[in-house]
Amino acid sequence: MPNLKADASGRADVTFMLDVATLSDGPTSFVGRGLIVHAQPDDYKSQPVGNAGARMACGVIRRM
């Protein structure tokens, strides 16, 4: 997934397509998985969190 950058009020909008994940049932589904927002961008090199800094928020992805 691409990095998402929020504005000063904490609002962010993004649109992207992934061909390796889905919201449909199955092993590649995001539904039921966790989402963690970090303070800094992922460097896409370091593990486990891409040197992305402190955890700022979290949630569970669910289908409405």
Protein backbone atom coordinates (compact mmCIF):
# COMPACT_ATOMS: atom_id res chain seq x y z
CA MET A 1 0.00 0.00 0.00
CA PRO A 2 1.22 3.52 -0.63
CA ASN A 3 2.07 5.88 2.21
CA LEU A 4 -0.80 8.13 3.23
CA LYS A 5 -0.06 11.67 4.40
CA ALA A 6 -2.54 13.61 6.54
CA ASP A 7 -2.92 17.37 6.63
CA ALA A 8 -2.51 19.51 9.78
CA SER A 9 -6.07 18.66 10.89
CA GLY A 10 -5.41 14.92 10.56
CA ARG A 11 -7.50 14.44 7.42
CA ALA A 12 -6.24 12.30 4.56
CA ASP A 13 -7.79 11.00 1.36
CA VAL A 14 -6.31 8.40 -0.96
CA THR A 15 -7.43 6.19 -3.83
CA PHE A 16 -5.39 3.26 -5.08
CA MET A 17 -5.82 -0.20 -6.55
CA LEU A 18 -4.16 -3.38 -5.30
CA ASP A 19 -4.10 -6.50 -7.44
CA VAL A 20 -2.88 -8.71 -4.58
CA ALA A 21 -5.59 -8.01 -1.99
CA THR A 22 -9.36 -7.89 -1.87
CA LEU A 23 -12.35 -7.07 0.33
CA SER A 24 -14.01 -10.34 -0.76
CA ASP A 25 -13.79 -13.47 1.39
CA GLY A 26 -10.62 -15.50 0.99
CA PRO A 27 -6.95 -15.69 1.94
CA THR A 28 -6.08 -12.30 0.39
CA SER A 29 -8.94 -10.43 2.06
CA PHE A 30 -8.30 -7.31 4.15
CA VAL A 31 -11.59 -7.80 6.02
CA GLY A 32 -10.98 -8.57 9.69
CA ARG A 33 -7.35 -7.44 9.56
CA GLY A 34 -5.84 -4.68 11.62
CA LEU A 35 -4.65 -1.32 10.40
CA ILE A 36 -2.02 0.68 12.28
CA VAL A 37 -1.22 4.32 11.52
CA HIS A 38 2.37 5.33 12.25
CA ALA A 39 3.80 8.82 12.75
CA GLN A 40 6.31 8.61 9.87
CA PRO A 41 6.27 7.14 6.35
CA ASP A 42 7.29 3.52 5.77
CA ASP A 43 10.74 3.32 4.17
CA TYR A 44 9.78 0.00 2.47
CA LYS A 45 13.15 -1.43 3.59
CA SER A 46 13.30 -1.86 7.38
CA GLN A 47 11.34 -4.54 9.19
CA PRO A 48 9.00 -4.99 10.89
CA VAL A 49 7.44 -1.49 10.54
CA GLY A 50 9.57 0.26 7.94
CA ASN A 51 11.19 2.65 10.43
CA ALA A 52 7.81 4.42 10.55
CA GLY A 53 8.00 5.74 14.11
CA ALA A 54 5.42 5.70 16.87
CA ARG A 55 1.99 4.15 16.53
CA MET A 56 -0.63 6.91 16.32
CA ALA A 57 -3.91 5.01 15.77
CA CYS A 58 -5.26 1.57 14.98
CA GLY A 59 -8.45 -0.08 13.79
CA VAL A 60 -9.99 -3.19 12.27
CA ILE A 61 -11.02 -3.28 8.61
CA ARG A 62 -14.58 -4.42 8.22
CA ARG A 63 -17.18 -4.53 5.52
CA MET A 64 -20.23 -2.31 6.04
